[in-house]
């Protein structure tokens, strides 16, 4: 069953800030959603399980509130919204993961995106279960089983086909700062009968990106010219005036939507504000939704 949703990513706060901070942040989200007109269109929150990565991460990684604890703290502040999350699989055995997924399902998580080792490690490292194996092992426990899709990554077609063969029902893209996903899905539609749901991910770029570089770091792929072009676009957005920035982001959104609607994939949206939610971010997302929303899917 398709999610057919608009999901907003909310990162659990640092543990030292406490549950009260999480509640206040959720109240801010609810207020901004109402003010911007996104309101009832928000169907899910997507809560990522954060793990330590490279030491050069621009924003220091501190211990985060657990995904499940965070959702239980904020769900009453976002009435009508359900939850999605990412779950790291590579460091947990089958019994531990089964218990975790059972708890997530019982708490109202409608879908789980399985992710593996951080990019400082190689695929297959870690003494747990590989994400692709989790797709099939837990097919009777998690109805909506997701994977990450990076359309600019080398050999992604083969990787994505393998994940679909293993039982992926949806894919959440990396943040999109080009329309490369259009060509990727057009080719995939020609070469494969798989039609997983695709959560198209769009991220707001605030001015502080020029100083911090978090988004640049998140999408990096050294030596990849396609990604270098996306990084240049992010840099120009960060330095741009608010009205021009919004126009460029919405224009990108339109190109992506126009290119993928009609290919046969169920579509959902995943919105992200990597530096935290703000009214300009919500207003940008609202303008995107005014052009197209998952509610328009047949």
Foldseek 3Di string as FASTA:
>chain_A
DDPLAEEEEDEFAAVVVDLVVLQVQLLVVQVLCVVQVVHLRHAEYEYEDDDDADPVQLDDDHHGDDPLVSCVSHVVSRPNHFYEYEDEFQADAPVVVLVVLQSNVVSGHQEYEYDYDYPVDDQPDGPGDGLLQCQQVCVVRHVAYEYEQELLDPPRLVVVVSSVVSHHQEYEYDADQALSVLVVLLVSLVVDPDAHEYAHEHEQQELCCLVRVNSVVRQDDPPRVVSVVSSVSSNCLSPDDLVVNLVSSLVRLVVNCVRPPPSRHQYAYYYYYPVGDDSSSSNSVSVNVVVPGSVPRD
